[in-house]
């Protein structure tokens, strides 16, 4: 689209990561990052955290909170999958089917974009078995199963559950605005076909802090508890986000979710939130920058940092450098 507006979260941004090859900086990544307090005010910021961003899949815990508030009632491992960009491992696909079958639905009701599993090993196994791209294998099938189950529980139309005017999507939009502390500034279509909400980066951080610190028994607390209990369902057995959540000290009550176009969000039990957006959308820099921010504020763990910072630069198949966070 010519002359589309560009958010200051993408333009008024510092260099946050260096790509180092054989001791020389080969490339740089610019971005924004923010830490919010429990009241939503800004504790630390790099770049402009007030500019609009699309959180992409980092929105899923917010969307899941709306579903629970609308009547979705699932055991924790299934609810964690509703928040997931899962790897497509067999237990992920089985859990998505559990959600659907529990609501009297089938895989055929899914309307998310068919794809292969995102995990390399799971994808190779899927293809070797002769499977094609399917909605079930696509990484958002847990969210879509939850959306369908929520619609079924309320007697809402199933065929149009992705329509922005559908009661389900209206409820989700209202929850995004409430938890982020402002209005939804833009509405788009996500890669999976679901509505996508444009909010400030600081709003995303604040929403995660509110979910992580939510009072027991609330929809947000149920979502946070499910993520903490089943991080492998949120990500996968070989995913950095899984390690980040699993290895965090219990008293931090940390939750996290990564998203496409290089977005990452974290919530802490004291109500603080963290959000990162790399301006060029390249996925390789965001975990390094997030690890640096978490170190700065004393959140996470050494095992979690190591999982996020595992970013070698290869030369002839061997490590010759790495991606490093700078300026944080």
Protein backbone atom coordinates (compact mmCIF):
# COMPACT_ATOMS: atom_id res chain seq x y z
CA UNK A 1 0.00 0.00 0.00
CA UNK A 2 1.66 3.28 -1.07
CA UNK A 3 2.09 5.96 1.58
CA UNK A 4 0.92 3.70 4.41
CA UNK A 5 1.61 5.32 7.79
CA UNK A 6 4.74 4.12 9.56
CA UNK A 7 4.68 3.76 13.34
CA UNK A 8 7.36 5.53 15.38
CA UNK A 9 7.91 2.13 17.01
CA UNK A 10 9.55 1.24 13.69
CA UNK A 11 11.27 4.52 12.80
CA UNK A 12 12.35 6.27 16.01
CA UNK A 13 14.39 3.29 17.14
CA UNK A 14 17.96 2.58 18.26
CA UNK A 15 20.22 -0.28 17.25
CA UNK A 16 19.50 -3.11 19.71
CA UNK A 17 21.46 -6.00 18.17
CA UNK A 18 24.68 -6.61 16.25
CA UNK A 19 25.28 -9.55 13.95
CA UNK A 20 28.97 -10.33 14.45
CA UNK A 21 30.93 -12.48 11.97
CA UNK A 22 34.59 -13.25 12.70
CA UNK A 23 34.84 -10.26 15.00
CA UNK A 24 33.25 -7.79 12.53
CA UNK A 25 29.74 -6.37 12.77
CA UNK A 26 28.08 -7.56 9.57
CA UNK A 27 24.53 -6.31 10.18
CA UNK A 28 22.49 -4.45 12.76
CA UNK A 29 18.89 -4.68 13.94
CA UNK A 30 16.95 -1.68 15.23
CA UNK A 31 13.96 -1.98 17.50
CA UNK A 32 11.90 -0.84 20.45
CA UNK A 33 11.63 -2.38 23.89
CA UNK A 34 9.72 -1.40 27.02
CA UNK A 35 9.23 -2.38 30.64
CA UNK A 36 5.96 -1.27 32.21
CA UNK A 37 5.06 -1.05 35.89
CA UNK A 38 1.91 -2.64 37.33
CA UNK A 39 -0.02 0.58 36.76
CA UNK A 40 0.99 0.70 33.09
CA UNK A 41 3.49 3.51 33.44
CA UNK A 42 6.86 3.10 31.74
CA UNK A 43 9.81 1.97 33.85
CA UNK A 44 12.36 1.57 31.02
CA UNK A 45 12.13 2.22 27.30
CA UNK A 46 14.37 1.91 24.26
CA UNK A 47 12.94 3.57 21.17
CA UNK A 48 9.32 4.72 21.12
CA UNK A 49 7.07 2.33 23.09
CA UNK A 50 3.94 4.36 22.38
CA UNK A 51 3.92 3.60 18.65
CA UNK A 52 1.45 1.11 17.21
CA UNK A 53 2.55 -2.45 16.55
CA UNK A 54 0.77 -5.65 15.58
CA UNK A 55 1.62 -8.15 18.35
CA UNK A 56 0.87 -11.07 16.03
CA UNK A 57 0.88 -14.33 18.00
CA UNK A 58 2.01 -12.57 21.16
CA UNK A 59 -1.67 -11.60 21.41
CA UNK A 60 -2.78 -15.16 22.08
CA UNK A 61 -2.81 -15.09 25.90
CA UNK A 62 -4.92 -11.92 25.68
CA UNK A 63 -7.29 -13.59 23.22
CA UNK A 64 -7.47 -16.69 25.41
CA UNK A 65 -8.41 -14.52 28.41
CA UNK A 66 -11.35 -13.21 26.42
CA UNK A 67 -12.42 -16.74 25.53
CA UNK A 68 -12.35 -17.86 29.16
CA UNK A 69 -14.37 -14.80 30.16
CA UNK A 70 -16.88 -15.76 27.46
CA UNK A 71 -17.33 -19.26 28.88
CA UNK A 72 -14.47 -21.39 27.56
CA UNK A 73 -13.78 -24.00 30.24
CA UNK A 74 -10.79 -26.24 29.52
CA UNK A 75 -8.22 -28.17 31.57
CA UNK A 76 -4.88 -26.34 31.87
CA UNK A 77 -2.95 -28.22 29.17
CA UNK A 78 -5.68 -27.49 26.64
CA UNK A 79 -5.91 -23.84 27.68
CA UNK A 80 -2.14 -23.49 27.28
CA UNK A 81 -2.51 -24.73 23.70
CA UNK A 82 -5.16 -22.07 23.04
CA UNK A 83 -2.38 -19.56 23.84
CA UNK A 84 0.13 -21.36 21.63
CA UNK A 85 2.05 -20.99 18.44
CA UNK A 86 2.77 -24.66 18.82
CA UNK A 87 5.53 -26.59 17.10
CA UNK A 88 3.21 -29.17 15.55
CA UNK A 89 4.51 -32.07 17.61
CA UNK A 90 2.09 -35.03 17.94
CA UNK A 91 0.94 -34.05 21.43
CA UNK A 92 0.07 -30.56 20.18
CA UNK A 93 -2.15 -31.91 17.44
CA UNK A 94 -3.76 -34.41 19.81
CA UNK A 95 -4.54 -31.65 22.30
CA UNK A 96 -6.16 -29.51 19.59
CA UNK A 97 -8.35 -32.46 18.70
CA UNK A 98 -9.24 -32.90 22.38
CA UNK A 99 -10.50 -29.31 22.47
CA UNK A 100 -12.56 -29.77 19.31
CA UNK A 101 -14.00 -33.14 20.25
CA UNK A 102 -14.85 -31.89 23.73
CA UNK A 103 -17.06 -29.26 22.09
CA UNK A 104 -18.65 -31.79 19.74
CA UNK A 105 -16.61 -30.49 16.79
CA UNK A 106 -14.08 -31.91 14.33
CA UNK A 107 -10.95 -30.82 12.52
CA UNK A 108 -13.18 -29.89 9.60
CA UNK A 109 -14.54 -26.91 11.53
CA UNK A 110 -11.13 -25.22 11.63
CA UNK A 111 -10.76 -22.16 9.38
CA UNK A 112 -7.11 -21.29 10.02
CA UNK A 113 -4.71 -21.36 7.07
CA UNK A 114 -3.43 -24.90 6.31
CA UNK A 115 0.30 -25.37 6.81
CA UNK A 116 3.00 -27.82 7.85
CA UNK A 117 4.27 -28.00 11.46
CA UNK A 118 6.71 -25.19 12.21
CA UNK A 119 9.19 -27.38 14.09
CA UNK A 120 11.77 -28.75 11.67
CA UNK A 121 11.75 -32.31 13.05
CA UNK A 122 7.97 -32.42 13.31
CA UNK A 123 7.64 -31.04 9.76
CA UNK A 124 10.01 -33.63 8.34
CA UNK A 125 8.15 -36.45 10.07
CA UNK A 126 4.83 -35.06 8.85
CA UNK A 127 5.98 -34.91 5.24
CA UNK A 128 7.64 -38.33 5.38
CA UNK A 129 4.33 -39.75 6.56
CA UNK A 130 2.71 -38.42 3.38
CA UNK A 131 0.68 -35.64 5.00
CA UNK A 132 -0.11 -32.37 3.27
CA UNK A 133 -0.61 -28.93 4.77
CA UNK A 134 -3.60 -28.95 7.12
CA UNK A 135 -5.30 -26.53 9.50
CA UNK A 136 -4.64 -28.92 12.38
CA UNK A 137 -0.86 -28.95 11.77
CA UNK A 138 -0.66 -25.16 11.45
CA UNK A 139 0.74 -23.50 14.58
CA UNK A 140 -2.46 -21.59 15.43
CA UNK A 141 -4.77 -24.60 15.54
CA UNK A 142 -4.95 -24.46 19.34
CA UNK A 143 -6.21 -20.88 19.27
CA UNK A 144 -8.72 -21.66 16.57
CA UNK A 145 -9.92 -24.76 18.40
CA UNK A 146 -10.47 -22.57 21.45
CA UNK A 147 -12.32 -19.98 19.40
CA UNK A 148 -14.61 -22.66 17.98
CA UNK A 149 -15.21 -24.21 21.40
CA UNK A 150 -16.08 -20.77 22.81
CA UNK A 151 -18.50 -20.12 19.96
CA UNK A 152 -20.10 -23.54 20.43
CA UNK A 153 -20.50 -22.98 24.19
CA UNK A 154 -22.44 -19.78 23.48
CA UNK A 155 -24.47 -21.06 20.55
CA UNK A 156 -22.74 -18.61 18.21
CA UNK A 157 -22.34 -19.30 14.50
CA UNK A 158 -19.35 -21.53 13.80
CA UNK A 159 -18.81 -20.87 10.12
CA UNK A 160 -18.20 -17.14 10.64
CA UNK A 161 -16.17 -17.21 13.86
CA UNK A 162 -13.32 -15.25 12.18
CA UNK A 163 -15.54 -12.35 11.13
CA UNK A 164 -14.58 -9.18 13.07
CA UNK A 165 -18.29 -8.57 13.74
CA UNK A 166 -18.81 -12.04 15.21
CA UNK A 167 -19.70 -11.93 18.94
CA UNK A 168 -16.54 -13.88 19.76
CA UNK A 169 -14.28 -11.43 17.96
CA UNK A 170 -16.11 -8.47 19.44
CA UNK A 171 -15.45 -9.89 22.90
CA UNK A 172 -11.77 -10.40 22.06
CA UNK A 173 -11.40 -6.85 20.75
CA UNK A 174 -12.93 -5.48 23.95
CA UNK A 175 -10.52 -7.55 26.06
CA UNK A 176 -7.48 -6.40 24.05
CA UNK A 177 -8.50 -2.78 24.70
CA UNK A 178 -9.19 -3.39 28.39
CA UNK A 179 -5.98 -5.25 29.21
CA UNK A 180 -3.72 -2.99 27.15
CA UNK A 181 -5.19 0.09 28.79
CA UNK A 182 -6.34 1.87 25.64
CA UNK A 183 -8.29 1.56 22.45
CA UNK A 184 -7.51 -0.69 19.50
CA UNK A 185 -5.97 1.63 16.93
CA UNK A 186 -6.04 -0.71 13.92
CA UNK A 187 -7.63 -3.98 12.88
CA UNK A 188 -6.00 -6.34 10.39
CA UNK A 189 -6.00 -10.01 9.39
CA UNK A 190 -3.37 -12.24 10.96
CA UNK A 191 -1.51 -14.94 9.06
CA UNK A 192 -3.90 -17.61 10.34
CA UNK A 193 -6.99 -15.64 9.26
CA UNK A 194 -8.07 -14.32 12.67
CA UNK A 195 -8.54 -10.60 13.38
CA UNK A 196 -5.37 -8.86 14.56
CA UNK A 197 -5.31 -5.78 16.78
CA UNK A 198 -2.90 -2.86 16.53
CA UNK A 199 -1.91 -1.48 19.95
CA UNK A 200 1.11 0.37 21.39
CA UNK A 201 4.11 -1.73 22.37
CA UNK A 202 3.69 -0.44 25.94
CA UNK A 203 0.08 -1.62 25.85
CA UNK A 204 1.20 -5.12 24.97
CA UNK A 205 3.65 -5.14 27.90
CA UNK A 206 0.96 -3.81 30.27
CA UNK A 207 -1.49 -6.50 29.15
CA UNK A 208 1.04 -9.24 29.91
CA UNK A 209 1.79 -7.77 33.32
CA UNK A 210 -1.92 -7.73 34.12
CA UNK A 211 -2.40 -11.33 33.02
CA UNK A 212 0.63 -12.54 35.02
CA UNK A 213 -0.50 -10.70 38.18
CA UNK A 214 -4.23 -11.34 37.88
CA UNK A 215 -6.15 -12.35 41.03
CA UNK A 216 -6.79 -16.05 41.46
CA UNK A 217 -9.90 -17.35 39.77
CA UNK A 218 -10.12 -14.63 37.13
CA UNK A 219 -9.98 -15.53 33.43
CA UNK A 220 -6.54 -13.94 33.17
CA UNK A 221 -5.21 -15.92 36.14
CA UNK A 222 -6.50 -19.17 34.66
CA UNK A 223 -4.64 -18.40 31.44
CA UNK A 224 -1.43 -17.48 33.27
CA UNK A 225 -1.59 -20.61 35.44
CA UNK A 226 -2.07 -22.80 32.37
CA UNK A 227 0.95 -21.26 30.63
CA UNK A 228 3.16 -21.73 33.69
CA UNK A 229 2.01 -25.33 34.19
CA UNK A 230 2.33 -26.40 30.55
CA UNK A 231 4.93 -24.27 28.71
CA UNK A 232 5.62 -27.16 26.32
CA UNK A 233 2.05 -26.79 25.05
CA UNK A 234 2.56 -23.03 24.55
CA UNK A 235 5.66 -23.60 22.42
CA UNK A 236 7.25 -26.99 22.02
CA UNK A 237 9.91 -29.27 23.42
CA UNK A 238 12.68 -27.51 21.48
CA UNK A 239 11.56 -23.89 21.83
CA UNK A 240 13.24 -21.05 23.69
CA UNK A 241 9.94 -19.69 25.01
CA UNK A 242 9.31 -23.05 26.68
CA UNK A 243 12.65 -22.97 28.48
CA UNK A 244 12.21 -19.32 29.46
CA UNK A 245 8.93 -20.07 31.25
CA UNK A 246 9.85 -23.46 32.66
CA UNK A 247 13.19 -22.36 34.15
CA UNK A 248 12.06 -19.03 35.64
CA UNK A 249 12.03 -18.96 39.46
CA UNK A 250 8.55 -19.83 40.71
CA UNK A 251 8.23 -16.60 42.69
CA UNK A 252 8.52 -14.55 39.49
CA UNK A 253 5.33 -16.15 38.10
CA UNK A 254 6.66 -15.42 34.63
CA UNK A 255 4.63 -15.90 31.47
CA UNK A 256 5.83 -15.22 27.92
CA UNK A 257 4.76 -15.43 24.30
CA UNK A 258 6.61 -14.86 21.04
CA UNK A 259 5.05 -13.60 17.82
CA UNK A 260 5.78 -13.24 14.13
CA UNK A 261 7.50 -10.15 12.73
CA UNK A 262 9.87 -10.26 15.71
CA UNK A 263 7.63 -9.51 18.69
CA UNK A 264 8.11 -10.91 22.20
CA UNK A 265 6.17 -10.22 25.40
CA UNK A 266 6.66 -11.23 29.04
CA UNK A 267 4.53 -10.74 32.14
CA UNK A 268 5.69 -10.99 35.76
CA UNK A 269 3.76 -11.72 38.92
CA UNK A 270 4.54 -8.27 40.33
CA UNK A 271 2.56 -6.73 37.47
CA UNK A 272 5.48 -5.59 35.36
CA UNK A 273 5.39 -6.30 31.66
CA UNK A 274 8.09 -6.44 28.98
CA UNK A 275 7.65 -6.16 25.21
CA UNK A 276 10.12 -6.14 22.32
CA UNK A 277 9.63 -5.33 18.64
CA UNK A 278 12.48 -5.55 16.13
CA UNK A 279 11.78 -2.99 13.44
CA UNK A 280 12.79 -5.03 10.38
CA UNK A 281 10.72 -8.02 11.48
CA UNK A 282 13.62 -10.47 11.34
CA UNK A 283 13.04 -13.12 13.99
CA UNK A 284 16.68 -13.75 14.92
CA UNK A 285 17.26 -10.64 17.05
CA UNK A 286 14.21 -10.60 19.32
CA UNK A 287 15.21 -13.35 21.78
CA UNK A 288 18.65 -11.78 22.33
CA UNK A 289 17.14 -8.37 22.99
CA UNK A 290 14.51 -9.84 25.30
CA UNK A 291 17.19 -11.67 27.28
CA UNK A 292 19.12 -8.42 27.70
CA UNK A 293 16.03 -6.60 28.99
CA UNK A 294 15.17 -9.42 31.38
CA UNK A 295 18.74 -9.39 32.72
CA UNK A 296 18.48 -5.62 33.19
CA UNK A 297 15.40 -5.95 35.40
CA UNK A 298 16.42 -9.15 37.18
CA UNK A 299 13.75 -11.39 35.66
CA UNK A 300 14.14 -14.86 34.19
CA UNK A 301 16.99 -17.28 34.87
CA UNK A 302 20.41 -18.16 33.51
CA UNK A 303 18.93 -21.22 31.77
CA UNK A 304 16.28 -19.05 30.19
CA UNK A 305 18.83 -16.49 29.05
CA UNK A 306 20.97 -19.23 27.53
CA UNK A 307 18.02 -20.55 25.53
CA UNK A 308 17.25 -17.07 24.21
CA UNK A 309 20.87 -16.19 23.47
CA UNK A 310 21.68 -19.32 21.48
CA UNK A 311 22.18 -17.55 18.14
CA UNK A 312 25.40 -18.61 16.42
CA UNK A 313 26.45 -17.14 13.08
CA UNK A 314 27.71 -19.93 10.84
CA UNK A 315 30.52 -20.03 8.32
CA UNK A 316 30.89 -23.24 6.32
CA UNK A 317 28.58 -24.91 8.81
CA UNK A 318 30.59 -23.92 11.88
CA UNK A 319 30.08 -21.08 14.40
CA UNK A 320 32.12 -18.03 13.45
CA UNK A 321 30.23 -15.39 15.41
CA UNK A 322 26.94 -14.60 17.10
CA UNK A 323 24.10 -12.13 17.46
CA UNK A 324 24.51 -9.89 20.50
CA UNK A 325 22.23 -7.36 22.14
CA UNK A 326 23.62 -3.82 22.48
CA UNK A 327 22.57 -0.64 24.20
CA UNK A 328 20.42 -2.20 26.92
